[in-house]
Amino acid sequence: MSDPYFFGYGSLVNRATHAYADAHRARVTGWRRVWRHTGLRPVAFLTVTPAPGSEIEGLIAAVPGGDWRALDQREAAYDRLPATGDVTHDLPYRPEVAIYAVPEGKHDAPSTRHPVLLSYLDVVVQGYLTEFGHDGVRRFFDTTDGWDAPVLDDRADPRYPRHQWLDAAERAIVDAELQRKSVRLITPEDIRFTA
């Protein structure tokens, strides 16, 4: 029996953020990424919501021995849902695949008090750039909803625990896409003002 896999569509696309070595590019249909906030976390993160006809790129990675404990802990705000029939990949067999999603009714729109962290977004974009190139980064932005969310510029003092260093070219790609989507950047002072 083969190991089960997860489908990663956010920070899990960046292989530097996890130790799941058996990872492969993949696509999932019927889901769309969206920026959301949950009471279980102080800032906004990506989740997926059902979206018939939609398709997003990401990575699948094997969970050795089906031991989900570490990944379930990392994704504690999410439910682990079956997605085997929704995922396409280049593996020569069809493993069981799960996707993590915040349950409907348990998430809200991001706000100034609960923003997206730029250090988190940087990690996600770096992963898409590595796996899918510049066109993949653009597809990430275009297949993600919620860009009206405020993004906290924490690059100087990253708050995301798995943040990665981006070189100047990578940062420029992130910044250009944020500008293309007219994303509003905020500072820590903006959060203190609203608290």
Protein backbone atom coordinates (compact mmCIF):
# COMPACT_ATOMS: atom_id res chain seq x y z
CA MET A 1 0.00 0.00 0.00
CA SER A 2 1.43 3.40 -0.96
CA ASP A 3 1.76 6.40 1.33
CA PRO A 4 -1.03 8.98 1.20
CA TYR A 5 -0.26 12.45 -0.14
CA PHE A 6 -1.35 15.99 0.67
CA PHE A 7 -2.01 18.73 -1.88
CA GLY A 8 -0.25 21.96 -0.91
CA TYR A 9 -1.40 25.23 -2.46
CA GLY A 10 0.25 27.88 -0.23
CA SER A 11 3.40 27.74 1.88
CA LEU A 12 3.61 23.95 1.38
CA VAL A 13 4.52 24.62 -2.27
CA ASN A 14 7.81 25.99 -0.95
CA ARG A 15 9.85 22.83 -0.28
CA ALA A 16 12.10 24.76 2.12
CA THR A 17 9.20 24.94 4.62
CA HIS A 18 8.80 21.18 5.12
CA ALA A 19 10.64 17.87 5.09
CA TYR A 20 8.27 15.91 2.79
CA ALA A 21 10.83 14.89 0.18
CA ASP A 22 8.60 12.88 -2.18
CA ALA A 23 6.90 15.94 -3.71
CA HIS A 24 5.57 16.50 -7.23
CA ARG A 25 3.89 19.30 -9.15
CA ALA A 26 0.14 18.81 -9.42
CA ARG A 27 -3.21 20.51 -10.08
CA VAL A 28 -6.51 20.34 -8.26
CA THR A 29 -9.87 21.12 -9.85
CA GLY A 30 -13.02 22.28 -8.12
CA TRP A 31 -11.18 24.46 -5.58
CA ARG A 32 -10.01 28.08 -5.46
CA ARG A 33 -7.59 29.77 -3.06
CA VAL A 34 -8.79 32.66 -0.92
CA TRP A 35 -7.27 34.79 1.84
CA ARG A 36 -9.19 34.25 5.07
CA HIS A 37 -8.87 34.78 8.80
CA THR A 38 -9.84 32.31 11.50
CA GLY A 39 -10.08 32.84 15.24
CA LEU A 40 -7.45 30.12 15.66
CA ARG A 41 -4.73 32.34 14.18
CA PRO A 42 -3.94 36.04 14.66
CA VAL A 43 -3.29 36.70 10.96
CA ALA A 44 -4.86 35.73 7.63
CA PHE A 45 -3.75 32.67 5.67
CA LEU A 46 -4.69 30.92 2.48
CA THR A 47 -7.46 28.38 2.39
CA VAL A 48 -9.41 26.82 -0.44
CA THR A 49 -13.13 26.94 -1.06
CA PRO A 50 -15.17 24.81 -3.46
CA ALA A 51 -15.28 26.40 -6.91
CA PRO A 52 -16.67 24.24 -9.73
CA GLY A 53 -14.64 24.63 -12.92
CA SER A 54 -11.70 26.26 -11.16
CA GLU A 55 -8.17 24.80 -11.20
CA ILE A 56 -5.12 25.67 -9.12
CA GLU A 57 -1.53 24.49 -9.18
CA GLY A 58 0.43 23.19 -6.23
CA LEU A 59 2.46 20.27 -4.96
CA ILE A 60 1.50 16.84 -3.75
CA ALA A 61 3.83 15.23 -1.25
CA ALA A 62 3.83 11.81 0.38
CA VAL A 63 3.13 11.52 4.11
CA PRO A 64 5.40 8.61 5.14
CA GLY A 65 3.48 5.79 6.75
CA GLY A 66 0.32 7.88 6.73
CA ASP A 67 1.54 9.62 9.89
CA TRP A 68 -0.44 12.86 9.63
CA ARG A 69 0.29 14.12 13.17
CA ALA A 70 3.00 16.69 12.35
CA LEU A 71 1.16 18.04 9.31
CA ASP A 72 -2.19 18.14 11.13
CA GLN A 73 -0.50 20.15 13.87
CA ARG A 74 1.00 22.58 11.34
CA GLU A 75 -2.41 22.93 9.67
CA ALA A 76 -4.36 23.02 12.96
CA ALA A 77 -6.86 25.65 11.78
CA TYR A 78 -7.82 23.45 8.81
CA ASP A 79 -9.79 20.27 8.21
CA ARG A 80 -8.09 17.54 6.18
CA LEU A 81 -10.44 16.58 3.33
CA PRO A 82 -10.28 13.88 0.65
CA ALA A 83 -9.29 15.20 -2.78
CA THR A 84 -7.98 12.16 -4.66
CA GLY A 85 -10.42 12.47 -7.54
CA ASP A 86 -9.77 16.20 -7.95
CA VAL A 87 -5.98 16.02 -8.30
CA THR A 88 -3.95 15.42 -11.46
CA HIS A 89 -0.23 14.64 -11.34
CA ASP A 90 2.49 12.71 -13.17
CA LEU A 91 2.80 9.79 -10.75
CA PRO A 92 2.40 6.40 -12.45
CA TYR A 93 -0.20 5.37 -9.83
CA ARG A 94 -3.13 7.04 -8.03
CA PRO A 95 -2.37 7.57 -4.34
CA GLU A 96 -4.88 8.86 -1.83
CA VAL A 97 -4.60 12.68 -1.71
CA ALA A 98 -5.93 15.05 0.96
CA ILE A 99 -6.33 18.83 0.92
CA TYR A 100 -6.52 21.15 3.92
CA ALA A 101 -9.32 23.74 4.09
CA VAL A 102 -10.72 25.94 6.83
CA PRO A 103 -14.31 24.77 7.39
CA GLU A 104 -17.08 26.94 5.95
CA GLY A 105 -18.50 29.24 8.60
CA LYS A 106 -15.26 29.24 10.60
CA HIS A 107 -13.41 31.92 8.69
CA ASP A 108 -13.82 35.61 7.97
CA ALA A 109 -12.31 38.19 5.67
CA PRO A 110 -8.89 39.53 6.66
CA SER A 111 -8.78 42.95 8.29
CA THR A 112 -6.22 45.46 9.50
CA ARG A 113 -6.23 43.64 12.85
CA HIS A 114 -5.88 40.27 11.07
CA PRO A 115 -3.81 40.97 7.93
CA VAL A 116 -1.90 38.79 5.51
CA LEU A 117 1.80 38.72 6.43
CA LEU A 118 4.12 39.75 3.62
CA SER A 119 6.68 37.28 5.02
CA TYR A 120 4.12 34.49 4.49
CA LEU A 121 3.22 35.68 1.00
CA ASP A 122 6.93 35.89 0.11
CA VAL A 123 7.34 32.20 1.05
CA VAL A 124 4.34 31.18 -1.04
CA VAL A 125 5.46 33.16 -4.09
CA GLN A 126 9.02 31.85 -3.80
CA GLY A 127 7.60 28.33 -3.91
CA TYR A 128 5.50 29.03 -7.00
CA LEU A 129 8.42 30.76 -8.71
CA THR A 130 10.67 27.75 -8.09
CA GLU A 131 8.08 25.19 -9.18
CA PHE A 132 6.17 26.96 -11.96
CA GLY A 133 8.27 29.97 -12.99
CA HIS A 134 7.17 33.58 -13.39
CA ASP A 135 4.02 32.53 -15.28
CA GLY A 136 3.14 30.27 -12.36
CA VAL A 137 3.44 33.21 -9.96
CA ARG A 138 1.04 35.21 -12.11
CA ARG A 139 -1.38 32.26 -12.21
CA PHE A 140 -1.13 32.04 -8.39
CA PHE A 141 -2.19 35.67 -8.06
CA ASP A 142 -4.94 35.30 -10.65
CA THR A 143 -6.41 32.13 -9.10
CA THR A 144 -6.47 33.52 -5.56
CA ASP A 145 -9.33 35.65 -4.22
CA GLY A 146 -9.24 38.24 -1.47
CA TRP A 147 -6.57 40.65 -2.69
CA ASP A 148 -8.56 43.43 -1.03
CA ALA A 149 -7.02 42.08 2.21
CA PRO A 150 -4.43 44.34 3.86
CA VAL A 151 -0.88 42.95 3.73
CA LEU A 152 1.39 43.71 6.67
CA ASP A 153 4.89 44.62 5.47
CA ASP A 154 6.93 42.63 8.00
CA ARG A 155 9.95 41.90 5.78
CA ALA A 156 12.31 43.81 8.10
CA ASP A 157 11.15 41.71 11.08
CA PRO A 158 9.39 38.59 9.71
CA ARG A 159 6.53 37.27 11.83
CA TYR A 160 5.90 34.14 9.78
CA PRO A 161 7.72 31.28 11.58
CA ARG A 162 8.83 29.54 8.37
CA HIS A 163 9.89 32.70 6.54
CA GLN A 164 12.59 32.39 3.88
CA TRP A 165 15.13 34.85 2.56
CA LEU A 166 14.20 36.22 -0.87
CA ASP A 167 16.75 37.79 -3.15
CA ALA A 168 16.15 41.16 -4.79
CA ALA A 169 14.73 39.63 -7.99
CA GLU A 170 12.26 37.47 -6.05
CA ARG A 171 11.13 40.44 -3.92
CA ALA A 172 10.66 42.52 -7.07
CA ILE A 173 8.35 39.85 -8.53
CA VAL A 174 6.24 39.79 -5.36
CA ASP A 175 6.09 43.59 -5.26
CA ALA A 176 5.13 43.87 -8.94
CA GLU A 177 2.27 41.39 -8.52
CA LEU A 178 1.02 43.17 -5.40
CA GLN A 179 1.02 46.41 -7.36
CA ARG A 180 -0.79 44.76 -10.28
CA LYS A 181 -3.50 43.57 -7.87
CA SER A 182 -3.64 47.00 -6.13
CA VAL A 183 -2.94 45.40 -2.75
CA ARG A 184 -2.83 47.75 0.24
CA LEU A 185 0.35 47.41 2.32
CA ILE A 186 0.12 48.34 5.99
CA THR A 187 2.70 48.77 8.76
CA PRO A 188 2.82 47.50 12.36
CA GLU A 189 1.81 51.01 13.42
CA ASP A 190 -1.44 50.63 11.45
CA ILE A 191 -2.29 47.53 13.51
CA ARG A 192 -1.46 49.24 16.80
CA PHE A 193 -3.70 52.15 15.83
CA THR A 194 -6.71 49.86 15.31
CA ALA A 195 -6.12 47.56 18.32
